[in-house]
Amino acid sequence: MPAPSGAALTVLTDGQVANSKHMLFRMAGTYTAADFDITYADGLGFDPVAARVCNVTDRTETYGTSADADGLKTVAAGTRTNAAHGMTFGSRKLGVDVDVAGPITDNDEVLIEVWG
């Protein structure tokens, strides 16, 4: 699933440091929120093992790893809980469930940080 129609997915940093497997993506635009994948076609050149989805618009954040279905979630008020992170990790692919990982709603600016 590509990024939602109308959303621009941009690579902000591409891990061009020796032995670094880190990327930062930005998603913004006029779009209807829908689950999406970040893949090799988007520039993800490694297998992700951890990721952070930061909804800049709503000030929420979710951090998760491939080793656990639960992760650290932070809501706008600052409360942190251990809960489902809503991300799937695959070969050069990160899947994002917008209802769980952000949550991400229509037209939100979102930063997605990925580590390998």
N, C-alpha and C. Protein backbone atom coordinates (compact mmCIF):
# COMPACT_ATOMS: atom_id res chain seq x y z
N MET A 1 0.83 -1.17 0.00
CA MET A 1 0.00 0.00 0.00
C MET A 1 0.88 1.24 0.00
N PRO A 2 0.82 2.02 -1.01
CA PRO A 2 1.61 3.26 -1.02
C PRO A 2 1.02 4.29 -0.06
N ALA A 3 1.71 5.40 0.11
CA ALA A 3 1.19 6.48 0.94
C ALA A 3 -0.17 6.90 0.40
N PRO A 4 -1.06 7.40 1.26
CA PRO A 4 -2.39 7.80 0.80
C PRO A 4 -2.30 8.82 -0.33
N SER A 5 -3.25 8.74 -1.24
CA SER A 5 -3.30 9.67 -2.37
C SER A 5 -3.35 11.11 -1.86
N GLY A 6 -2.48 11.95 -2.39
CA GLY A 6 -2.40 13.34 -1.97
C GLY A 6 -1.35 13.60 -0.92
N ALA A 7 -0.85 12.53 -0.29
CA ALA A 7 0.19 12.68 0.72
C ALA A 7 1.56 12.53 0.07
N ALA A 8 2.43 13.47 0.32
CA ALA A 8 3.79 13.41 -0.20
C ALA A 8 4.68 12.76 0.86
N LEU A 9 5.34 11.67 0.49
CA LEU A 9 6.27 10.98 1.39
C LEU A 9 7.68 11.35 0.95
N THR A 10 8.40 12.07 1.81
CA THR A 10 9.70 12.62 1.48
C THR A 10 10.77 12.04 2.39
N VAL A 11 11.93 11.70 1.84
CA VAL A 11 13.07 11.27 2.65
C VAL A 11 13.79 12.51 3.15
N LEU A 12 13.89 12.67 4.47
CA LEU A 12 14.59 13.81 5.05
C LEU A 12 16.05 13.48 5.33
N THR A 13 16.32 12.28 5.84
CA THR A 13 17.69 11.81 6.03
C THR A 13 17.76 10.38 5.55
N ASP A 14 18.90 10.01 4.99
CA ASP A 14 18.97 8.68 4.38
C ASP A 14 20.09 7.81 4.92
N GLY A 15 20.56 8.07 6.12
CA GLY A 15 21.53 7.20 6.76
C GLY A 15 22.85 7.08 6.02
N GLN A 16 23.33 8.14 5.46
CA GLN A 16 24.58 8.08 4.70
C GLN A 16 25.82 8.18 5.58
N VAL A 17 25.69 7.74 6.81
CA VAL A 17 26.82 7.65 7.72
C VAL A 17 27.31 6.20 7.68
N ALA A 18 28.62 5.99 7.71
CA ALA A 18 29.16 4.63 7.64
C ALA A 18 28.51 3.72 8.68
N ASN A 19 28.09 2.55 8.24
CA ASN A 19 27.46 1.54 9.08
C ASN A 19 26.16 1.99 9.75
N SER A 20 25.54 3.01 9.20
CA SER A 20 24.29 3.52 9.77
C SER A 20 23.10 2.97 9.01
N LYS A 21 22.12 2.51 9.74
CA LYS A 21 20.86 2.09 9.14
C LYS A 21 19.77 2.91 9.81
N HIS A 22 19.59 4.12 9.33
CA HIS A 22 18.63 5.05 9.90
C HIS A 22 18.06 5.91 8.78
N MET A 23 16.76 6.11 8.80
CA MET A 23 16.12 7.00 7.82
C MET A 23 15.01 7.78 8.51
N LEU A 24 14.77 8.97 8.01
CA LEU A 24 13.69 9.81 8.51
C LEU A 24 12.84 10.22 7.31
N PHE A 25 11.55 9.91 7.39
CA PHE A 25 10.60 10.26 6.34
C PHE A 25 9.61 11.28 6.88
N ARG A 26 9.08 12.11 5.97
CA ARG A 26 8.03 13.07 6.32
C ARG A 26 6.85 12.83 5.39
N MET A 27 5.65 12.75 5.97
CA MET A 27 4.44 12.62 5.16
C MET A 27 3.56 13.82 5.46
N ALA A 28 3.17 14.53 4.41
CA ALA A 28 2.33 15.71 4.57
C ALA A 28 1.54 15.92 3.29
N GLY A 29 0.52 16.73 3.37
CA GLY A 29 -0.28 17.05 2.19
C GLY A 29 -1.75 17.01 2.52
N THR A 30 -2.56 17.07 1.48
CA THR A 30 -4.01 16.97 1.62
C THR A 30 -4.39 15.55 1.26
N TYR A 31 -4.74 14.76 2.26
CA TYR A 31 -5.00 13.34 2.02
C TYR A 31 -6.02 12.79 3.01
N THR A 32 -6.59 11.67 2.65
CA THR A 32 -7.46 10.91 3.55
C THR A 32 -6.60 9.81 4.16
N ALA A 33 -6.56 9.75 5.48
CA ALA A 33 -5.71 8.79 6.17
C ALA A 33 -6.08 7.36 5.79
N ALA A 34 -5.08 6.56 5.48
CA ALA A 34 -5.25 5.14 5.16
C ALA A 34 -3.95 4.43 5.51
N ASP A 35 -4.05 3.15 5.89
CA ASP A 35 -2.85 2.37 6.18
C ASP A 35 -1.90 2.44 4.99
N PHE A 36 -0.59 2.43 5.27
CA PHE A 36 0.39 2.52 4.18
C PHE A 36 1.66 1.78 4.54
N ASP A 37 2.47 1.52 3.52
CA ASP A 37 3.78 0.89 3.67
C ASP A 37 4.86 1.84 3.19
N ILE A 38 6.00 1.81 3.85
CA ILE A 38 7.21 2.46 3.35
C ILE A 38 8.10 1.32 2.88
N THR A 39 8.54 1.36 1.63
CA THR A 39 9.26 0.24 1.03
C THR A 39 10.56 0.70 0.38
N TYR A 40 11.22 -0.26 -0.24
CA TYR A 40 12.44 0.02 -1.00
C TYR A 40 12.20 1.09 -2.06
N ALA A 41 11.01 1.07 -2.68
CA ALA A 41 10.68 2.06 -3.71
C ALA A 41 10.65 3.49 -3.14
N ASP A 42 10.39 3.61 -1.83
CA ASP A 42 10.39 4.91 -1.17
C ASP A 42 11.77 5.31 -0.67
N GLY A 43 12.74 4.39 -0.79
CA GLY A 43 14.09 4.67 -0.35
C GLY A 43 14.55 3.86 0.84
N LEU A 44 13.69 2.99 1.37
CA LEU A 44 14.07 2.18 2.53
C LEU A 44 14.95 1.03 2.06
N GLY A 45 16.26 1.16 2.26
CA GLY A 45 17.21 0.19 1.72
C GLY A 45 17.72 -0.84 2.71
N PHE A 46 16.99 -1.06 3.81
CA PHE A 46 17.41 -2.05 4.80
C PHE A 46 16.16 -2.61 5.48
N ASP A 47 16.34 -3.70 6.21
CA ASP A 47 15.23 -4.31 6.94
C ASP A 47 15.06 -3.57 8.27
N PRO A 48 13.93 -2.92 8.48
CA PRO A 48 13.75 -2.17 9.72
C PRO A 48 13.55 -3.08 10.93
N VAL A 49 14.10 -2.67 12.07
CA VAL A 49 13.91 -3.41 13.32
C VAL A 49 13.24 -2.54 14.39
N ALA A 50 13.22 -1.24 14.17
CA ALA A 50 12.56 -0.32 15.10
C ALA A 50 12.08 0.89 14.32
N ALA A 51 11.01 1.50 14.81
CA ALA A 51 10.48 2.68 14.13
C ALA A 51 9.74 3.57 15.13
N ARG A 52 9.66 4.85 14.79
CA ARG A 52 8.91 5.82 15.58
C ARG A 52 8.02 6.60 14.63
N VAL A 53 6.74 6.67 14.94
CA VAL A 53 5.79 7.46 14.16
C VAL A 53 5.39 8.64 15.03
N CYS A 54 5.70 9.83 14.56
CA CYS A 54 5.42 11.05 15.32
C CYS A 54 4.42 11.89 14.54
N ASN A 55 3.21 12.04 15.08
CA ASN A 55 2.20 12.88 14.47
C ASN A 55 2.45 14.30 14.96
N VAL A 56 3.07 15.11 14.13
CA VAL A 56 3.45 16.47 14.50
C VAL A 56 2.20 17.33 14.72
N THR A 57 1.18 17.13 13.91
CA THR A 57 -0.05 17.92 14.01
C THR A 57 -0.75 17.71 15.34
N ASP A 58 -0.92 16.46 15.75
CA ASP A 58 -1.68 16.14 16.96
C ASP A 58 -0.80 15.91 18.19
N ARG A 59 0.53 15.98 18.01
CA ARG A 59 1.50 15.81 19.10
C ARG A 59 1.37 14.45 19.78
N THR A 60 1.28 13.38 18.97
CA THR A 60 1.29 12.02 19.49
C THR A 60 2.49 11.30 18.91
N GLU A 61 2.91 10.24 19.59
CA GLU A 61 4.10 9.51 19.15
C GLU A 61 3.98 8.05 19.53
N THR A 62 4.46 7.17 18.66
CA THR A 62 4.48 5.75 18.92
C THR A 62 5.85 5.20 18.54
N TYR A 63 6.45 4.41 19.43
CA TYR A 63 7.73 3.77 19.16
C TYR A 63 7.54 2.27 19.31
N GLY A 64 8.05 1.51 18.34
CA GLY A 64 7.93 0.06 18.42
C GLY A 64 9.09 -0.64 17.77
N THR A 65 9.22 -1.93 18.08
CA THR A 65 10.28 -2.75 17.50
C THR A 65 9.67 -4.00 16.88
N SER A 66 10.47 -4.65 16.04
CA SER A 66 10.02 -5.89 15.40
C SER A 66 9.93 -7.04 16.39
N ALA A 67 10.56 -6.91 17.55
CA ALA A 67 10.59 -7.98 18.54
C ALA A 67 9.35 -8.04 19.42
N ASP A 68 8.51 -7.00 19.40
CA ASP A 68 7.38 -6.94 20.31
C ASP A 68 6.21 -6.24 19.66
N ALA A 69 4.99 -6.73 19.86
CA ALA A 69 3.80 -6.11 19.29
C ALA A 69 3.40 -4.85 20.05
N ASP A 70 3.89 -4.70 21.27
CA ASP A 70 3.60 -3.50 22.05
C ASP A 70 4.78 -2.55 21.98
N GLY A 71 4.48 -1.27 22.15
CA GLY A 71 5.52 -0.25 22.13
C GLY A 71 5.13 0.90 23.05
N LEU A 72 5.93 1.93 23.05
CA LEU A 72 5.70 3.10 23.88
C LEU A 72 4.86 4.10 23.10
N LYS A 73 3.69 4.45 23.65
CA LYS A 73 2.80 5.41 23.02
C LYS A 73 2.71 6.65 23.90
N THR A 74 2.78 7.82 23.27
CA THR A 74 2.66 9.08 23.98
C THR A 74 1.51 9.86 23.37
N VAL A 75 0.58 10.31 24.20
CA VAL A 75 -0.55 11.11 23.73
C VAL A 75 -0.23 12.59 23.89
N ALA A 76 -1.08 13.44 23.32
CA ALA A 76 -0.81 14.88 23.31
C ALA A 76 -0.61 15.46 24.70
N ALA A 77 -1.30 14.92 25.70
CA ALA A 77 -1.16 15.43 27.07
C ALA A 77 0.15 15.00 27.72
N GLY A 78 0.90 14.11 27.05
CA GLY A 78 2.19 13.66 27.57
C GLY A 78 2.16 12.33 28.27
N THR A 79 0.99 11.74 28.45
CA THR A 79 0.89 10.44 29.11
C THR A 79 1.51 9.36 28.24
N ARG A 80 2.32 8.50 28.85
CA ARG A 80 2.97 7.41 28.12
C ARG A 80 2.44 6.08 28.62
N THR A 81 2.18 5.17 27.66
CA THR A 81 1.71 3.84 28.01
C THR A 81 2.39 2.80 27.13
N ASN A 82 2.37 1.56 27.59
CA ASN A 82 2.85 0.45 26.80
C ASN A 82 1.61 -0.16 26.14
N ALA A 83 1.54 -0.07 24.79
CA ALA A 83 0.35 -0.53 24.07
C ALA A 83 0.75 -0.97 22.67
N ALA A 84 -0.20 -1.57 21.96
CA ALA A 84 0.06 -2.01 20.57
C ALA A 84 0.59 -0.83 19.75
N HIS A 85 1.66 -1.10 18.97
CA HIS A 85 2.27 -0.01 18.20
C HIS A 85 1.74 0.11 16.77
N GLY A 86 1.10 -0.90 16.23
CA GLY A 86 0.46 -0.78 14.92
C GLY A 86 1.40 -0.73 13.74
N MET A 87 2.61 -1.25 13.90
CA MET A 87 3.56 -1.28 12.79
C MET A 87 3.95 -2.72 12.49
N THR A 88 4.16 -3.02 11.21
CA THR A 88 4.65 -4.34 10.81
C THR A 88 6.00 -4.17 10.15
N PHE A 89 6.92 -5.05 10.48
CA PHE A 89 8.29 -4.97 10.00
C PHE A 89 8.55 -6.11 9.03
N GLY A 90 9.10 -5.79 7.85
CA GLY A 90 9.37 -6.81 6.85
C GLY A 90 10.68 -6.55 6.14
N SER A 91 10.92 -7.29 5.09
CA SER A 91 12.13 -7.13 4.29
C SER A 91 12.03 -5.83 3.50
N ARG A 92 12.83 -4.85 3.91
CA ARG A 92 12.83 -3.52 3.29
C ARG A 92 11.43 -2.91 3.25
N LYS A 93 10.68 -3.12 4.34
CA LYS A 93 9.30 -2.64 4.37
C LYS A 93 8.86 -2.37 5.81
N LEU A 94 8.17 -1.25 5.99
CA LEU A 94 7.54 -0.91 7.25
C LEU A 94 6.08 -0.61 6.95
N GLY A 95 5.18 -1.36 7.56
CA GLY A 95 3.75 -1.12 7.40
C GLY A 95 3.24 -0.30 8.57
N VAL A 96 2.35 0.66 8.29
CA VAL A 96 1.83 1.54 9.32
C VAL A 96 0.30 1.48 9.32
N ASP A 97 -0.27 1.07 10.46
CA ASP A 97 -1.71 1.07 10.66
C ASP A 97 -2.07 2.43 11.26
N VAL A 98 -2.73 3.29 10.49
CA VAL A 98 -2.95 4.67 10.93
C VAL A 98 -3.85 4.80 12.15
N ASP A 99 -4.70 3.82 12.39
CA ASP A 99 -5.58 3.89 13.55
C ASP A 99 -4.83 3.59 14.85
N VAL A 100 -3.74 2.85 14.76
CA VAL A 100 -3.01 2.43 15.95
C VAL A 100 -1.69 3.19 16.10
N ALA A 101 -0.94 3.34 15.04
CA ALA A 101 0.43 3.86 15.12
C ALA A 101 0.50 5.34 15.43
N GLY A 102 -0.45 6.12 15.11
CA GLY A 102 -0.39 7.56 15.36
C GLY A 102 -1.14 7.96 16.63
N PRO A 103 -2.43 7.92 16.61
CA PRO A 103 -3.14 7.71 15.34
C PRO A 103 -2.91 8.86 14.37
N ILE A 104 -3.08 8.53 13.09
CA ILE A 104 -2.91 9.51 12.02
C ILE A 104 -4.28 9.76 11.41
N THR A 105 -4.67 11.02 11.33
CA THR A 105 -5.94 11.37 10.72
C THR A 105 -5.69 12.21 9.47
N ASP A 106 -6.76 12.54 8.76
CA ASP A 106 -6.64 13.28 7.50
C ASP A 106 -5.75 14.51 7.63
N ASN A 107 -4.83 14.66 6.68
CA ASN A 107 -4.00 15.85 6.49
C ASN A 107 -2.98 16.11 7.60
N ASP A 108 -2.71 15.14 8.47
CA ASP A 108 -1.71 15.33 9.52
C ASP A 108 -0.30 15.34 8.92
N GLU A 109 0.57 16.13 9.52
CA GLU A 109 2.00 16.05 9.19
C GLU A 109 2.60 14.99 10.10
N VAL A 110 3.31 14.03 9.50
CA VAL A 110 3.82 12.89 10.25
C VAL A 110 5.30 12.68 9.92
N LEU A 111 6.09 12.42 10.94
CA LEU A 111 7.49 12.02 10.76
C LEU A 111 7.60 10.55 11.12
N ILE A 112 8.28 9.78 10.27
CA ILE A 112 8.48 8.37 10.50
C ILE A 112 9.99 8.11 10.52
N GLU A 113 10.49 7.70 11.66
CA GLU A 113 11.91 7.43 11.83
C GLU A 113 12.11 5.92 11.88
N VAL A 114 13.06 5.41 11.11
CA VAL A 114 13.25 3.97 10.97
C VAL A 114 14.72 3.61 11.23
N TRP A 115 14.93 2.54 12.01
CA TRP A 115 16.27 2.03 12.29
C TRP A 115 16.37 0.58 11.82
N GLY A 116 17.57 0.18 11.37
CA GLY A 116 17.79 -1.19 10.92
C GLY A 116 18.80 -1.91 11.76
